[in-house]
């Protein structure tokens, strides 16, 4: 969710978030690795923590993985 105050103030940016995905495809841990404005950082973390993935497997067994995602905040047109 775009923070209303950030939208109102015209704050835009990209936030890089590293997330560890567990064996079930759920986000087990997330942290900001490329920060933007503090309002955007927290919103990006909140969003990524809700994501779900298909489990990653190695030799047929589910394994945890770490990804880096970029969450972009741009005002709607």
Protein backbone atom coordinates (compact mmCIF):
# COMPACT_ATOMS: atom_id res chain seq x y z
CA UNK A 1 0.00 0.00 0.00
CA UNK A 2 1.30 3.43 -0.95
CA UNK A 3 1.43 5.41 2.30
CA UNK A 4 -1.18 8.18 1.95
CA UNK A 5 1.13 10.83 3.43
CA UNK A 6 3.91 9.84 1.00
CA UNK A 7 1.48 10.01 -1.91
CA UNK A 8 0.19 13.39 -0.77
CA UNK A 9 3.76 14.73 -0.46
CA UNK A 10 4.78 13.29 -3.83
CA UNK A 11 7.39 10.95 -2.36
CA UNK A 12 8.46 8.28 -4.84
CA UNK A 13 11.22 5.70 -4.90
CA UNK A 14 12.40 2.12 -5.08
CA UNK A 15 13.04 -0.07 -2.06
CA UNK A 16 15.20 -3.19 -2.32
CA UNK A 17 14.07 -5.93 0.03
CA UNK A 18 15.93 -9.18 0.71
CA UNK A 19 13.52 -11.94 1.71
CA UNK A 20 14.13 -15.46 2.89
CA UNK A 21 11.49 -17.82 1.54
CA UNK A 22 10.95 -20.92 3.68
CA UNK A 23 10.30 -24.49 2.56
CA UNK A 24 6.54 -23.81 2.34
CA UNK A 25 6.98 -20.76 0.08
CA UNK A 26 6.26 -18.20 2.78
CA UNK A 27 8.39 -15.17 3.63
CA UNK A 28 10.23 -16.09 6.83
CA UNK A 29 12.34 -12.94 7.05
CA UNK A 30 12.56 -9.65 5.18
CA UNK A 31 14.89 -6.69 5.47
CA UNK A 32 15.56 -3.52 3.51
CA UNK A 33 18.84 -3.68 1.58
CA UNK A 34 18.34 -0.62 -0.64
CA UNK A 35 16.44 2.01 1.33
CA UNK A 36 14.41 4.92 0.05
CA UNK A 37 12.32 7.29 2.15
CA UNK A 38 11.49 5.79 5.58
CA UNK A 39 7.75 5.81 4.83
CA UNK A 40 8.34 3.76 1.71
CA UNK A 41 10.76 1.35 3.40
CA UNK A 42 8.20 0.17 5.95
CA UNK A 43 5.43 -0.16 3.37
CA UNK A 44 7.70 -2.24 1.13
CA UNK A 45 8.53 -4.57 4.03
CA UNK A 46 4.85 -4.92 4.92
CA UNK A 47 4.03 -5.83 1.31
CA UNK A 48 6.83 -8.36 0.85
CA UNK A 49 5.99 -10.10 4.12
CA UNK A 50 2.54 -10.93 2.66
CA UNK A 51 3.85 -12.54 -0.54
CA UNK A 52 3.70 -16.29 -1.09
CA UNK A 53 5.74 -18.37 -3.52
CA UNK A 54 5.80 -21.87 -4.90
CA UNK A 55 8.35 -23.76 -2.80
CA UNK A 56 11.84 -24.06 -4.28
CA UNK A 57 13.16 -27.59 -4.47
CA UNK A 58 16.59 -29.15 -4.67
CA UNK A 59 16.81 -32.86 -5.52
CA UNK A 60 13.05 -33.03 -5.02
CA UNK A 61 13.08 -31.63 -1.49
CA UNK A 62 11.83 -28.14 -0.56
CA UNK A 63 14.60 -25.75 0.51
CA UNK A 64 14.71 -22.16 1.76
CA UNK A 65 16.01 -19.49 -0.61
CA UNK A 66 16.79 -15.79 -0.42
CA UNK A 67 15.60 -13.35 -3.05
CA UNK A 68 16.02 -9.62 -3.55
CA UNK A 69 12.92 -7.80 -4.79
CA UNK A 70 12.50 -4.17 -5.78
CA UNK A 71 9.26 -2.51 -4.68
CA UNK A 72 8.55 0.66 -6.68
CA UNK A 73 6.40 3.50 -5.48
CA UNK A 74 5.10 5.80 -8.20
CA UNK A 75 1.90 7.83 -7.99
CA UNK A 76 -1.02 6.70 -10.11
CA UNK A 77 -1.58 8.61 -13.34
